[in-house]
C-alpha atoms as a PDB file:
ATOM      1  CA  UNK A   1     106.470  68.255 100.845  1.00  0.00           C
ATOM      2  CA  UNK A   2     109.324  65.860 101.512  1.00  0.00           C
ATOM      3  CA  UNK A   3     110.230  62.341 101.691  1.00  0.00           C
ATOM      4  CA  UNK A   4     112.970  61.215 104.304  1.00  0.00           C
ATOM      5  CA  UNK A   5     114.444  57.881 103.272  1.00  0.00           C
ATOM      6  CA  UNK A   6     116.409  56.107 106.150  1.00  0.00           C
ATOM      7  CA  UNK A   7     118.957  53.436 104.980  1.00  0.00           C
ATOM      8  CA  UNK A   8     120.191  51.458 108.218  1.00  0.00           C
ATOM      9  CA  UNK A   9     124.118  51.278 108.394  1.00  0.00           C
ATOM     10  CA  UNK A  10     124.330  49.061 111.737  1.00  0.00           C
ATOM     11  CA  UNK A  11     122.966  45.813 112.356  1.00  0.00           C
ATOM     12  CA  UNK A  12     119.420  45.658 113.642  1.00  0.00           C
ATOM     13  CA  UNK A  13     120.249  44.753 117.164  1.00  0.00           C
ATOM     14  CA  UNK A  14     121.931  47.864 117.583  1.00  0.00           C
ATOM     15  CA  UNK A  15     119.338  49.912 116.102  1.00  0.00           C
ATOM     16  CA  UNK A  16     116.588  48.535 118.093  1.00  0.00           C
ATOM     17  CA  UNK A  17     118.399  49.602 121.235  1.00  0.00           C
ATOM     18  CA  UNK A  18     117.305  53.241 120.221  1.00  0.00           C
ATOM     19  CA  UNK A  19     113.900  52.452 118.838  1.00  0.00           C
ATOM     20  CA  UNK A  20     111.813  53.506 121.756  1.00  0.00           C
ATOM     21  CA  UNK A  21     113.785  56.844 121.651  1.00  0.00           C
ATOM     22  CA  UNK A  22     113.044  57.044 117.669  1.00  0.00           C
ATOM     23  CA  UNK A  23     109.512  56.472 118.146  1.00  0.00           C
ATOM     24  CA  UNK A  24     109.303  59.319 120.776  1.00  0.00           C
ATOM     25  CA  UNK A  25     111.076  61.453 118.418  1.00  0.00           C
ATOM     26  CA  UNK A  26     108.191  60.657 115.720  1.00  0.00           C
ATOM     27  CA  UNK A  27     105.523  61.088 117.840  1.00  0.00           C
ATOM     28  CA  UNK A  28     106.758  64.750 118.598  1.00  0.00           C
ATOM     29  CA  UNK A  29     106.712  65.745 115.167  1.00  0.00           C
ATOM     30  CA  UNK A  30     103.288  63.952 114.518  1.00  0.00           C
ATOM     31  CA  UNK A  31     101.947  66.336 117.127  1.00  0.00           C
ATOM     32  CA  UNK A  32     103.664  69.249 115.706  1.00  0.00           C
ATOM     33  CA  UNK A  33     102.192  68.519 112.107  1.00  0.00           C
ATOM     34  CA  UNK A  34     105.453  67.890 110.542  1.00  0.00           C
ATOM     35  CA  UNK A  35     105.424  64.110 109.975  1.00  0.00           C
ATOM     36  CA  UNK A  36     102.292  62.670 107.831  1.00  0.00           C
ATOM     37  CA  UNK A  37     103.386  59.288 107.911  1.00  0.00           C
ATOM     38  CA  UNK A  38     106.308  56.857 108.224  1.00  0.00           C
ATOM     39  CA  UNK A  39     107.319  53.065 108.279  1.00  0.00           C
ATOM     40  CA  UNK A  40     109.778  50.587 107.910  1.00  0.00           C
ATOM     41  CA  UNK A  41     111.002  49.676 104.537  1.00  0.00           C
ATOM     42  CA  UNK A  42     110.471  46.039 103.163  1.00  0.00           C
ATOM     43  CA  UNK A  43     112.764  44.311 103.541  1.00  0.00           C
ATOM     44  CA  UNK A  44     113.785  46.012 106.937  1.00  0.00           C
ATOM     45  CA  UNK A  45     116.786  47.970 105.455  1.00  0.00           C
ATOM     46  CA  UNK A  46     115.576  51.254 106.582  1.00  0.00           C
ATOM     47  CA  UNK A  47     112.296  53.665 106.660  1.00  0.00           C
ATOM     48  CA  UNK A  48     110.629  56.259 105.208  1.00  0.00           C
ATOM     49  CA  UNK A  49     109.204  59.317 106.694  1.00  0.00           C
ATOM     50  CA  UNK A  50     106.721  61.756 104.593  1.00  0.00           C
ATOM     51  CA  UNK A  51     106.994  65.237 106.143  1.00  0.00           C
ATOM     52  CA  UNK A  52     106.060  68.742 105.483  1.00  0.00           C
ATOM     53  CA  UNK A  53     108.214  72.116 106.338  1.00  0.00           C
ATOM     54  CA  UNK A  54     108.644  75.321 105.594  1.00  0.00           C
ATOM     55  CA  UNK A  55     112.191  74.430 104.006  1.00  0.00           C
ATOM     56  CA  UNK A  56     114.553  71.841 103.617  1.00  0.00           C
ATOM     57  CA  UNK A  57     116.904  73.508 106.072  1.00  0.00           C
ATOM     58  CA  UNK A  58     114.372  73.465 108.744  1.00  0.00           C
ATOM     59  CA  UNK A  59     113.746  69.726 108.199  1.00  0.00           C
ATOM     60  CA  UNK A  60     117.558  69.093 108.502  1.00  0.00           C
ATOM     61  CA  UNK A  61     117.256  70.621 111.647  1.00  0.00           C
ATOM     62  CA  UNK A  62     114.669  68.621 112.762  1.00  0.00           C
ATOM     63  CA  UNK A  63     116.166  65.317 111.478  1.00  0.00           C
ATOM     64  CA  UNK A  64     119.464  66.010 113.450  1.00  0.00           C
ATOM     65  CA  UNK A  65     117.133  65.293 116.549  1.00  0.00           C
ATOM     66  CA  UNK A  66     116.555  61.749 115.571  1.00  0.00           C
ATOM     67  CA  UNK A  67     118.221  59.301 117.626  1.00  0.00           C
ATOM     68  CA  UNK A  68     119.351  57.215 114.454  1.00  0.00           C
ATOM     69  CA  UNK A  69     120.793  60.332 113.265  1.00  0.00           C
ATOM     70  CA  UNK A  70     122.542  61.416 116.618  1.00  0.00           C
ATOM     71  CA  UNK A  71     124.038  57.732 116.866  1.00  0.00           C
ATOM     72  CA  UNK A  72     125.006  57.394 113.398  1.00  0.00           C
ATOM     73  CA  UNK A  73     122.934  54.442 112.955  1.00  0.00           C
ATOM     74  CA  UNK A  74     121.279  55.158 109.543  1.00  0.00           C
ATOM     75  CA  UNK A  75     122.161  57.501 106.385  1.00  0.00           C
ATOM     76  CA  UNK A  76     119.336  60.054 105.625  1.00  0.00           C
ATOM     77  CA  UNK A  77     118.187  61.381 102.252  1.00  0.00           C
ATOM     78  CA  UNK A  78     115.782  64.092 101.842  1.00  0.00           C
ATOM     79  CA  UNK A  79     113.687  64.442  98.460  1.00  0.00           C
ATOM     80  CA  UNK A  80     111.561  67.713  98.143  1.00  0.00           C
ATOM     81  CA  UNK A  81     108.481  67.335  95.769  1.00  0.00           C
ATOM     82  CA  UNK A  82     105.704  69.913  95.215  1.00  0.00           C
ATOM     83  CA  UNK A  83     102.276  68.464  96.015  1.00  0.00           C
ATOM     84  CA  UNK A  84      99.961  68.629  92.706  1.00  0.00           C
ATOM     85  CA  UNK A  85      97.126  66.071  94.043  1.00  0.00           C
ATOM     86  CA  UNK A  86      96.297  64.259  96.998  1.00  0.00           C
ATOM     87  CA  UNK A  87      93.582  62.462  98.534  1.00  0.00           C
ATOM     88  CA  UNK A  88      90.776  64.787  99.665  1.00  0.00           C
ATOM     89  CA  UNK A  89      91.028  63.399 103.340  1.00  0.00           C
ATOM     90  CA  UNK A  90      94.422  64.777 103.458  1.00  0.00           C
ATOM     91  CA  UNK A  91      93.190  68.337 102.988  1.00  0.00           C
ATOM     92  CA  UNK A  92      92.884  69.114 106.715  1.00  0.00           C
ATOM     93  CA  UNK A  93      96.643  68.166 107.526  1.00  0.00           C
ATOM     94  CA  UNK A  94      98.491  69.355 104.406  1.00  0.00           C
ATOM     95  CA  UNK A  95      99.785  73.015 104.602  1.00  0.00           C
END
């Protein structure tokens, strides 16, 4: 399991020009059962994605498709962790 932390490095006005493409990217990987949840940081300085993938290398390739990554709008940090406990309702989506 992975936590992907995004930190915006451009003004929000520039970021928002790519928001629709970013949302489509997120939807693609929700449908592929890679992304579990995502959202904006408060205050709006970046975002967080909770993801599952077979390896960090695979996840790095997926992140490279994000318009925020492609257009150098955000910095990305990946933290891998081992799930030891989770809500019972998540058992059907976690690998």
